[in-house]
C-alpha atoms as a PDB file:
ATOM      1  CA  UNK A   1     -13.467 -17.381  19.192  1.00  0.00           C
ATOM      2  CA  UNK A   2     -14.097 -20.377  20.660  1.00  0.00           C
ATOM      3  CA  UNK A   3     -12.114 -22.336  18.290  1.00  0.00           C
ATOM      4  CA  UNK A   4      -9.360 -20.116  19.714  1.00  0.00           C
ATOM      5  CA  UNK A   5     -10.273 -20.656  23.135  1.00  0.00           C
ATOM      6  CA  UNK A   6     -10.048 -24.263  22.869  1.00  0.00           C
ATOM      7  CA  UNK A   7      -6.843 -24.468  21.308  1.00  0.00           C
ATOM      8  CA  UNK A   8      -5.041 -22.139  23.699  1.00  0.00           C
ATOM      9  CA  UNK A   9      -6.180 -24.526  26.418  1.00  0.00           C
ATOM     10  CA  UNK A  10      -3.758 -27.266  25.017  1.00  0.00           C
ATOM     11  CA  UNK A  11      -1.101 -25.058  25.499  1.00  0.00           C
ATOM     12  CA  UNK A  12      -1.899 -23.352  28.554  1.00  0.00           C
ATOM     13  CA  UNK A  13      -4.429 -23.699  30.915  1.00  0.00           C
ATOM     14  CA  UNK A  14      -7.973 -22.273  32.069  1.00  0.00           C
ATOM     15  CA  UNK A  15      -6.653 -19.493  34.132  1.00  0.00           C
ATOM     16  CA  UNK A  16      -4.610 -17.966  31.967  1.00  0.00           C
ATOM     17  CA  UNK A  17      -7.701 -18.003  29.509  1.00  0.00           C
ATOM     18  CA  UNK A  18      -9.618 -16.078  31.980  1.00  0.00           C
ATOM     19  CA  UNK A  19      -7.152 -13.722  32.640  1.00  0.00           C
ATOM     20  CA  UNK A  20      -6.448 -12.557  29.426  1.00  0.00           C
ATOM     21  CA  UNK A  21      -9.824 -12.061  29.136  1.00  0.00           C
ATOM     22  CA  UNK A  22      -8.977  -8.591  30.990  1.00  0.00           C
ATOM     23  CA  UNK A  23      -8.060  -7.954  27.163  1.00  0.00           C
ATOM     24  CA  UNK A  24     -12.045  -8.021  26.181  1.00  0.00           C
ATOM     25  CA  UNK A  25     -12.791  -4.693  28.121  1.00  0.00           C
ATOM     26  CA  UNK A  26      -9.611  -2.723  26.647  1.00  0.00           C
ATOM     27  CA  UNK A  27      -9.954  -4.089  22.986  1.00  0.00           C
ATOM     28  CA  UNK A  28     -14.214  -3.632  23.526  1.00  0.00           C
ATOM     29  CA  UNK A  29     -13.457   0.025  24.377  1.00  0.00           C
ATOM     30  CA  UNK A  30     -10.946   0.271  21.731  1.00  0.00           C
ATOM     31  CA  UNK A  31     -13.715  -0.902  18.952  1.00  0.00           C
ATOM     32  CA  UNK A  32     -15.950   1.277  20.754  1.00  0.00           C
ATOM     33  CA  UNK A  33     -14.228   4.627  21.702  1.00  0.00           C
ATOM     34  CA  UNK A  34     -16.176   7.588  21.159  1.00  0.00           C
ATOM     35  CA  UNK A  35     -14.695  11.505  22.773  1.00  0.00           C
ATOM     36  CA  UNK A  36     -16.578  11.978  26.307  1.00  0.00           C
ATOM     37  CA  UNK A  37     -14.849  13.532  28.940  1.00  0.00           C
ATOM     38  CA  UNK A  38     -13.784   9.914  30.756  1.00  0.00           C
ATOM     39  CA  UNK A  39     -11.845   9.015  28.186  1.00  0.00           C
ATOM     40  CA  UNK A  40      -8.263   9.507  29.596  1.00  0.00           C
ATOM     41  CA  UNK A  41      -9.685   7.190  32.663  1.00  0.00           C
ATOM     42  CA  UNK A  42     -10.815   4.293  30.414  1.00  0.00           C
ATOM     43  CA  UNK A  43      -7.545   4.651  28.395  1.00  0.00           C
ATOM     44  CA  UNK A  44      -5.644   4.368  31.615  1.00  0.00           C
ATOM     45  CA  UNK A  45      -8.366   1.244  32.725  1.00  0.00           C
ATOM     46  CA  UNK A  46      -7.132  -0.205  29.226  1.00  0.00           C
ATOM     47  CA  UNK A  47      -3.637  -0.195  29.520  1.00  0.00           C
ATOM     48  CA  UNK A  48      -3.703  -1.392  33.071  1.00  0.00           C
ATOM     49  CA  UNK A  49      -5.990  -4.815  31.837  1.00  0.00           C
ATOM     50  CA  UNK A  50      -3.398  -5.232  28.660  1.00  0.00           C
ATOM     51  CA  UNK A  51      -0.646  -5.214  30.844  1.00  0.00           C
ATOM     52  CA  UNK A  52      -2.246  -7.389  33.909  1.00  0.00           C
ATOM     53  CA  UNK A  53      -2.720  -9.861  31.199  1.00  0.00           C
ATOM     54  CA  UNK A  54       0.738  -9.440  29.735  1.00  0.00           C
ATOM     55  CA  UNK A  55       2.027 -10.177  32.844  1.00  0.00           C
ATOM     56  CA  UNK A  56       0.527 -13.290  33.480  1.00  0.00           C
ATOM     57  CA  UNK A  57       1.359 -14.230  30.207  1.00  0.00           C
ATOM     58  CA  UNK A  58       4.786 -13.663  30.519  1.00  0.00           C
ATOM     59  CA  UNK A  59       5.754 -14.416  33.992  1.00  0.00           C
ATOM     60  CA  UNK A  60       4.781 -17.589  35.803  1.00  0.00           C
ATOM     61  CA  UNK A  61       6.595 -17.461  39.382  1.00  0.00           C
ATOM     62  CA  UNK A  62       6.991 -19.892  42.165  1.00  0.00           C
ATOM     63  CA  UNK A  63       3.908 -21.988  43.148  1.00  0.00           C
ATOM     64  CA  UNK A  64       1.762 -21.047  45.842  1.00  0.00           C
ATOM     65  CA  UNK A  65      -0.281 -24.505  46.135  1.00  0.00           C
ATOM     66  CA  UNK A  66      -1.057 -27.591  44.611  1.00  0.00           C
ATOM     67  CA  UNK A  67      -2.935 -30.353  45.582  1.00  0.00           C
ATOM     68  CA  UNK A  68      -0.743 -32.382  43.190  1.00  0.00           C
ATOM     69  CA  UNK A  69       1.282 -35.399  44.024  1.00  0.00           C
ATOM     70  CA  UNK A  70       3.098 -36.351  40.626  1.00  0.00           C
ATOM     71  CA  UNK A  71       3.842 -33.427  38.027  1.00  0.00           C
ATOM     72  CA  UNK A  72       1.391 -32.790  35.461  1.00  0.00           C
ATOM     73  CA  UNK A  73       1.613 -33.506  31.726  1.00  0.00           C
ATOM     74  CA  UNK A  74       0.023 -30.038  31.080  1.00  0.00           C
ATOM     75  CA  UNK A  75       3.080 -28.251  32.788  1.00  0.00           C
ATOM     76  CA  UNK A  76       5.303 -30.504  30.721  1.00  0.00           C
ATOM     77  CA  UNK A  77       4.313 -29.827  27.293  1.00  0.00           C
ATOM     78  CA  UNK A  78       2.756 -26.237  27.887  1.00  0.00           C
ATOM     79  CA  UNK A  79       3.322 -22.892  26.341  1.00  0.00           C
ATOM     80  CA  UNK A  80       2.012 -20.235  28.153  1.00  0.00           C
ATOM     81  CA  UNK A  81       3.343 -17.741  25.498  1.00  0.00           C
ATOM     82  CA  UNK A  82       1.467 -19.349  21.957  1.00  0.00           C
ATOM     83  CA  UNK A  83      -1.256 -20.126  24.680  1.00  0.00           C
ATOM     84  CA  UNK A  84      -1.471 -16.428  25.821  1.00  0.00           C
ATOM     85  CA  UNK A  85      -1.155 -15.173  21.754  1.00  0.00           C
ATOM     86  CA  UNK A  86      -4.325 -17.223  20.386  1.00  0.00           C
ATOM     87  CA  UNK A  87      -6.448 -15.984  23.781  1.00  0.00           C
ATOM     88  CA  UNK A  88      -5.390 -12.735  23.037  1.00  0.00           C
ATOM     89  CA  UNK A  89      -7.132 -13.377  19.517  1.00  0.00           C
ATOM     90  CA  UNK A  90     -10.004 -14.960  21.081  1.00  0.00           C
ATOM     91  CA  UNK A  91     -10.139 -11.627  23.184  1.00  0.00           C
ATOM     92  CA  UNK A  92     -10.241  -9.546  19.487  1.00  0.00           C
ATOM     93  CA  UNK A  93     -13.312 -11.984  18.362  1.00  0.00           C
ATOM     94  CA  UNK A  94     -14.992 -11.563  21.844  1.00  0.00           C
ATOM     95  CA  UNK A  95     -14.334  -7.577  21.365  1.00  0.00           C
ATOM     96  CA  UNK A  96     -15.708  -7.705  17.647  1.00  0.00           C
ATOM     97  CA  UNK A  97     -18.534  -9.821  18.970  1.00  0.00           C
ATOM     98  CA  UNK A  98     -20.131  -7.037  21.394  1.00  0.00           C
ATOM     99  CA  UNK A  99     -19.443  -4.494  18.623  1.00  0.00           C
ATOM    100  CA  UNK A 100     -21.990  -6.258  16.345  1.00  0.00           C
ATOM    101  CA  UNK A 101     -24.277  -7.332  18.830  1.00  0.00           C
ATOM    102  CA  UNK A 102     -24.971  -3.925  20.004  1.00  0.00           C
ATOM    103  CA  UNK A 103     -25.538  -2.439  16.238  1.00  0.00           C
ATOM    104  CA  UNK A 104     -27.444  -5.899  15.115  1.00  0.00           C
ATOM    105  CA  UNK A 105     -29.651  -5.856  18.386  1.00  0.00           C
ATOM    106  CA  UNK A 106     -30.714  -1.766  17.210  1.00  0.00           C
ATOM    107  CA  UNK A 107     -32.000  -2.765  14.083  1.00  0.00           C
ATOM    108  CA  UNK A 108     -33.343  -5.997  15.232  1.00  0.00           C
ATOM    109  CA  UNK A 109     -34.509  -6.664  18.891  1.00  0.00           C
ATOM    110  CA  UNK A 110     -34.768 -10.722  18.403  1.00  0.00           C
ATOM    111  CA  UNK A 111     -32.273 -12.040  20.545  1.00  0.00           C
ATOM    112  CA  UNK A 112     -33.407 -15.193  20.687  1.00  0.00           C
ATOM    113  CA  UNK A 113     -33.217 -15.584  16.735  1.00  0.00           C
ATOM    114  CA  UNK A 114     -29.890 -13.751  17.060  1.00  0.00           C
ATOM    115  CA  UNK A 115     -28.486 -16.346  19.023  1.00  0.00           C
ATOM    116  CA  UNK A 116     -30.200 -19.317  17.056  1.00  0.00           C
ATOM    117  CA  UNK A 117     -28.743 -17.866  13.716  1.00  0.00           C
ATOM    118  CA  UNK A 118     -24.990 -17.458  15.721  1.00  0.00           C
ATOM    119  CA  UNK A 119     -25.373 -21.136  16.768  1.00  0.00           C
ATOM    120  CA  UNK A 120     -26.377 -22.640  13.555  1.00  0.00           C
ATOM    121  CA  UNK A 121     -23.406 -21.067  11.500  1.00  0.00           C
ATOM    122  CA  UNK A 122     -20.989 -21.479  14.347  1.00  0.00           C
ATOM    123  CA  UNK A 123     -21.637 -24.858  14.295  1.00  0.00           C
ATOM    124  CA  UNK A 124     -21.379 -25.057  10.400  1.00  0.00           C
ATOM    125  CA  UNK A 125     -17.875 -23.304  10.499  1.00  0.00           C
ATOM    126  CA  UNK A 126     -16.492 -25.047  13.175  1.00  0.00           C
ATOM    127  CA  UNK A 127     -17.839 -28.616  11.348  1.00  0.00           C
ATOM    128  CA  UNK A 128     -15.849 -27.256   8.064  1.00  0.00           C
ATOM    129  CA  UNK A 129     -13.162 -26.413   9.699  1.00  0.00           C
ATOM    130  CA  UNK A 130     -12.651 -29.836  11.906  1.00  0.00           C
ATOM    131  CA  UNK A 131     -13.096 -31.639   8.555  1.00  0.00           C
ATOM    132  CA  UNK A 132      -9.915 -30.074   7.702  1.00  0.00           C
ATOM    133  CA  UNK A 133      -7.931 -30.249  10.451  1.00  0.00           C
ATOM    134  CA  UNK A 134      -8.743 -33.455  12.115  1.00  0.00           C
ATOM    135  CA  UNK A 135      -8.204 -36.409   9.575  1.00  0.00           C
ATOM    136  CA  UNK A 136      -8.358 -39.335  12.444  1.00  0.00           C
ATOM    137  CA  UNK A 137     -12.559 -40.618  11.603  1.00  0.00           C
ATOM    138  CA  UNK A 138     -12.045 -42.450  15.537  1.00  0.00           C
ATOM    139  CA  UNK A 139     -11.925 -38.835  17.043  1.00  0.00           C
ATOM    140  CA  UNK A 140     -15.695 -38.107  15.461  1.00  0.00           C
ATOM    141  CA  UNK A 141     -17.284 -41.490  17.524  1.00  0.00           C
ATOM    142  CA  UNK A 142     -19.219 -39.833  20.562  1.00  0.00           C
ATOM    143  CA  UNK A 143     -19.765 -42.662  23.093  1.00  0.00           C
ATOM    144  CA  UNK A 144     -21.656 -41.948  26.011  1.00  0.00           C
ATOM    145  CA  UNK A 145     -18.993 -40.928  29.117  1.00  0.00           C
ATOM    146  CA  UNK A 146     -17.747 -37.657  30.325  1.00  0.00           C
ATOM    147  CA  UNK A 147     -16.768 -36.178  26.681  1.00  0.00           C
ATOM    148  CA  UNK A 148     -20.668 -36.037  25.968  1.00  0.00           C
ATOM    149  CA  UNK A 149     -21.318 -34.755  29.096  1.00  0.00           C
ATOM    150  CA  UNK A 150     -18.839 -31.492  27.937  1.00  0.00           C
ATOM    151  CA  UNK A 151     -20.168 -31.533  24.428  1.00  0.00           C
ATOM    152  CA  UNK A 152     -23.624 -31.018  26.124  1.00  0.00           C
ATOM    153  CA  UNK A 153     -22.601 -28.374  28.729  1.00  0.00           C
ATOM    154  CA  UNK A 154     -20.571 -26.609  26.141  1.00  0.00           C
ATOM    155  CA  UNK A 155     -23.171 -26.217  24.038  1.00  0.00           C
ATOM    156  CA  UNK A 156     -25.219 -25.392  26.506  1.00  0.00           C
ATOM    157  CA  UNK A 157     -23.688 -23.158  29.341  1.00  0.00           C
ATOM    158  CA  UNK A 158     -21.318 -22.399  26.988  1.00  0.00           C
ATOM    159  CA  UNK A 159     -23.243 -20.919  24.429  1.00  0.00           C
ATOM    160  CA  UNK A 160     -26.957 -20.904  24.237  1.00  0.00           C
ATOM    161  CA  UNK A 161     -27.123 -19.363  27.919  1.00  0.00           C
ATOM    162  CA  UNK A 162     -23.784 -17.265  27.307  1.00  0.00           C
ATOM    163  CA  UNK A 163     -24.420 -15.569  24.797  1.00  0.00           C
ATOM    164  CA  UNK A 164     -28.295 -14.794  25.009  1.00  0.00           C
ATOM    165  CA  UNK A 165     -26.852 -13.388  28.625  1.00  0.00           C
ATOM    166  CA  UNK A 166     -24.289 -11.544  26.928  1.00  0.00           C
ATOM    167  CA  UNK A 167     -26.869  -9.886  24.237  1.00  0.00           C
ATOM    168  CA  UNK A 168     -29.248  -9.427  26.905  1.00  0.00           C
ATOM    169  CA  UNK A 169     -27.126  -7.355  28.812  1.00  0.00           C
ATOM    170  CA  UNK A 170     -25.658  -5.336  25.592  1.00  0.00           C
ATOM    171  CA  UNK A 171     -28.980  -4.655  24.212  1.00  0.00           C
ATOM    172  CA  UNK A 172     -29.162  -2.884  28.006  1.00  0.00           C
ATOM    173  CA  UNK A 173     -26.284  -1.426  28.822  1.00  0.00           C
ATOM    174  CA  UNK A 174     -24.209  -1.693  25.945  1.00  0.00           C
ATOM    175  CA  UNK A 175     -20.598  -3.318  24.828  1.00  0.00           C
ATOM    176  CA  UNK A 176     -18.593  -1.831  26.757  1.00  0.00           C
ATOM    177  CA  UNK A 177     -20.353  -2.460  30.462  1.00  0.00           C
ATOM    178  CA  UNK A 178     -20.743  -6.257  29.317  1.00  0.00           C
ATOM    179  CA  UNK A 179     -16.772  -6.899  28.670  1.00  0.00           C
ATOM    180  CA  UNK A 180     -16.242  -5.200  31.952  1.00  0.00           C
ATOM    181  CA  UNK A 181     -17.383  -7.772  33.989  1.00  0.00           C
ATOM    182  CA  UNK A 182     -15.038 -10.595  32.236  1.00  0.00           C
ATOM    183  CA  UNK A 183     -12.051 -10.238  34.680  1.00  0.00           C
ATOM    184  CA  UNK A 184     -14.928 -11.957  36.662  1.00  0.00           C
ATOM    185  CA  UNK A 185     -13.737 -15.157  35.790  1.00  0.00           C
ATOM    186  CA  UNK A 186     -10.568 -14.834  36.546  1.00  0.00           C
ATOM    187  CA  UNK A 187     -11.096 -16.141  40.324  1.00  0.00           C
ATOM    188  CA  UNK A 188     -13.355 -18.359  39.276  1.00  0.00           C
ATOM    189  CA  UNK A 189     -11.342 -20.253  36.938  1.00  0.00           C
ATOM    190  CA  UNK A 190      -7.665 -20.081  39.191  1.00  0.00           C
ATOM    191  CA  UNK A 191     -10.186 -21.966  42.239  1.00  0.00           C
ATOM    192  CA  UNK A 192     -11.571 -24.356  39.587  1.00  0.00           C
ATOM    193  CA  UNK A 193      -8.613 -25.605  38.181  1.00  0.00           C
ATOM    194  CA  UNK A 194      -6.957 -25.808  41.151  1.00  0.00           C
ATOM    195  CA  UNK A 195     -10.082 -27.981  42.980  1.00  0.00           C
ATOM    196  CA  UNK A 196     -10.990 -29.832  40.046  1.00  0.00           C
ATOM    197  CA  UNK A 197      -7.963 -30.137  37.242  1.00  0.00           C
ATOM    198  CA  UNK A 198      -5.494 -30.012  40.072  1.00  0.00           C
ATOM    199  CA  UNK A 199      -3.283 -27.712  38.603  1.00  0.00           C
ATOM    200  CA  UNK A 200      -0.424 -25.269  40.140  1.00  0.00           C
ATOM    201  CA  UNK A 201      -1.286 -21.678  41.579  1.00  0.00           C
ATOM    202  CA  UNK A 202       1.249 -19.594  40.641  1.00  0.00           C
ATOM    203  CA  UNK A 203       2.293 -15.848  42.149  1.00  0.00           C
ATOM    204  CA  UNK A 204       1.912 -15.154  38.394  1.00  0.00           C
ATOM    205  CA  UNK A 205      -1.270 -16.399  38.125  1.00  0.00           C
END
């Protein structure tokens, strides 16, 4: 999931990533669906989520606000359709992870152990993949700069804290409830990308 997110951001933007996270509740619902009296309402919500994600992916629109003085290289090289598709794959992975955790936590309640194994095997898988994808040895050199800060932030906030809190919530409220809060990141990402990354805010976003 995280590899897909990083790849998709290269093609598009963090705002698109947060918006396509709207797919997570829909996909999680489809994977965890059980017959009930409110299934029709859930289906309507799932369709709306997918429709909203598709609109943002396929429609960019005119800009609303920008703090940029010169055009960004990101706009010239970005491909929102490819980015959106890769983000969708990430959403499927996240939904599958939610469902899996719900099953695991019923049998094994130690959240910290589960997250520790998750991070360990995720590191091993990413390292093996990187050895095949990244052939430039200079990329592996880590110097004490902003890249090192990003690595630590991604490890602590992006993995350990995020998935610990997610597992804790899944255990108590279930996978569908947890995935419903993914869209909250849209406004945060849109605001942050405009202020900190100087991206243009479009009507599509």
